[in-house]
Amino acid sequence: MSNIILKYNDMKVKVVYDTHDCSVDDLECIDSLPTIIDVPDSVGEENVADWITDESGWCIDSWSQVE
């Protein structure tokens, strides 16, 4: 029996977090978050924003795919 290794090509995205109505402490926390994130292939493009919000705990303004 042989081992099968699956390699997934995660999608890299650049994230802009929502900073509206944030306190100074919130802004410091947001500044510490990564702006480039690997999103698993299993996450459909229509669900990327929700996935990032769930993973980071912060809402986002936008995201764009990075080549």
Protein backbone atom coordinates (compact mmCIF):
# COMPACT_ATOMS: atom_id res chain seq x y z
CA MET A 1 0.00 0.00 0.00
CA SER A 2 1.45 3.36 -0.97
CA ASN A 3 0.94 6.70 0.71
CA ILE A 4 -0.85 9.36 -1.28
CA ILE A 5 0.11 12.96 -0.59
CA LEU A 6 -2.33 15.61 -1.73
CA LYS A 7 -0.96 19.06 -2.38
CA TYR A 8 -3.46 21.88 -2.31
CA ASN A 9 -2.69 25.21 -3.93
CA ASP A 10 -4.16 27.69 -1.49
CA MET A 11 -5.28 31.04 -2.87
CA LYS A 12 -3.24 33.97 -1.57
CA VAL A 13 -5.29 37.08 -0.89
CA LYS A 14 -4.48 40.60 0.23
CA VAL A 15 -6.84 41.80 2.95
CA VAL A 16 -7.97 45.31 3.90
CA TYR A 17 -9.54 45.19 7.36
CA ASP A 18 -12.50 47.35 8.38
CA THR A 19 -11.22 50.11 10.66
CA HIS A 20 -14.41 52.20 10.87
CA ASP A 21 -15.39 53.07 14.44
CA CYS A 22 -12.31 51.34 15.88
CA SER A 23 -10.66 52.38 19.11
CA VAL A 24 -6.91 52.95 19.34
CA ASP A 25 -6.54 49.50 20.90
CA ASP A 26 -8.52 47.94 18.05
CA LEU A 27 -6.32 49.67 15.48
CA GLU A 28 -3.17 48.35 17.18
CA CYS A 29 -4.64 44.85 17.08
CA ILE A 30 -5.66 45.18 13.43
CA ASP A 31 -2.16 46.44 12.56
CA SER A 32 -0.75 43.20 13.96
CA LEU A 33 -2.90 41.01 11.67
CA PRO A 34 -1.44 39.62 8.44
CA THR A 35 -2.43 41.41 5.25
CA ILE A 36 -1.60 38.45 2.99
CA ILE A 37 -3.51 35.27 3.85
CA ASP A 38 -3.58 31.77 2.37
CA VAL A 39 -7.20 30.79 1.84
CA PRO A 40 -7.79 27.04 1.43
CA ASP A 41 -9.01 25.85 -1.95
CA SER A 42 -12.06 24.39 -0.23
CA VAL A 43 -13.34 27.94 0.41
CA GLY A 44 -15.36 29.17 -2.55
CA GLU A 45 -14.63 32.65 -3.85
CA GLU A 46 -18.06 33.83 -2.70
CA ASN A 47 -17.17 32.79 0.88
CA VAL A 48 -13.66 34.24 1.15
CA ALA A 49 -14.70 37.37 3.09
CA ASP A 50 -16.68 35.32 5.61
CA TRP A 51 -13.82 32.84 6.00
CA ILE A 52 -11.29 35.63 6.65
CA THR A 53 -13.63 37.24 9.19
CA ASP A 54 -14.16 33.91 10.95
CA GLU A 55 -10.43 33.15 11.04
CA SER A 56 -9.20 36.61 12.06
CA GLY A 57 -12.10 37.74 14.24
CA TRP A 58 -12.29 41.05 12.34
CA CYS A 59 -14.52 42.29 9.55
CA ILE A 60 -12.86 43.21 6.31
CA ASP A 61 -13.42 46.03 3.83
CA SER A 62 -12.10 44.12 0.85
CA TRP A 63 -9.84 41.38 -0.41
CA SER A 64 -8.06 40.72 -3.68
CA GLN A 65 -6.25 37.72 -5.05
CA VAL A 66 -2.45 37.94 -5.12
CA GLU A 67 -0.58 36.18 -7.89
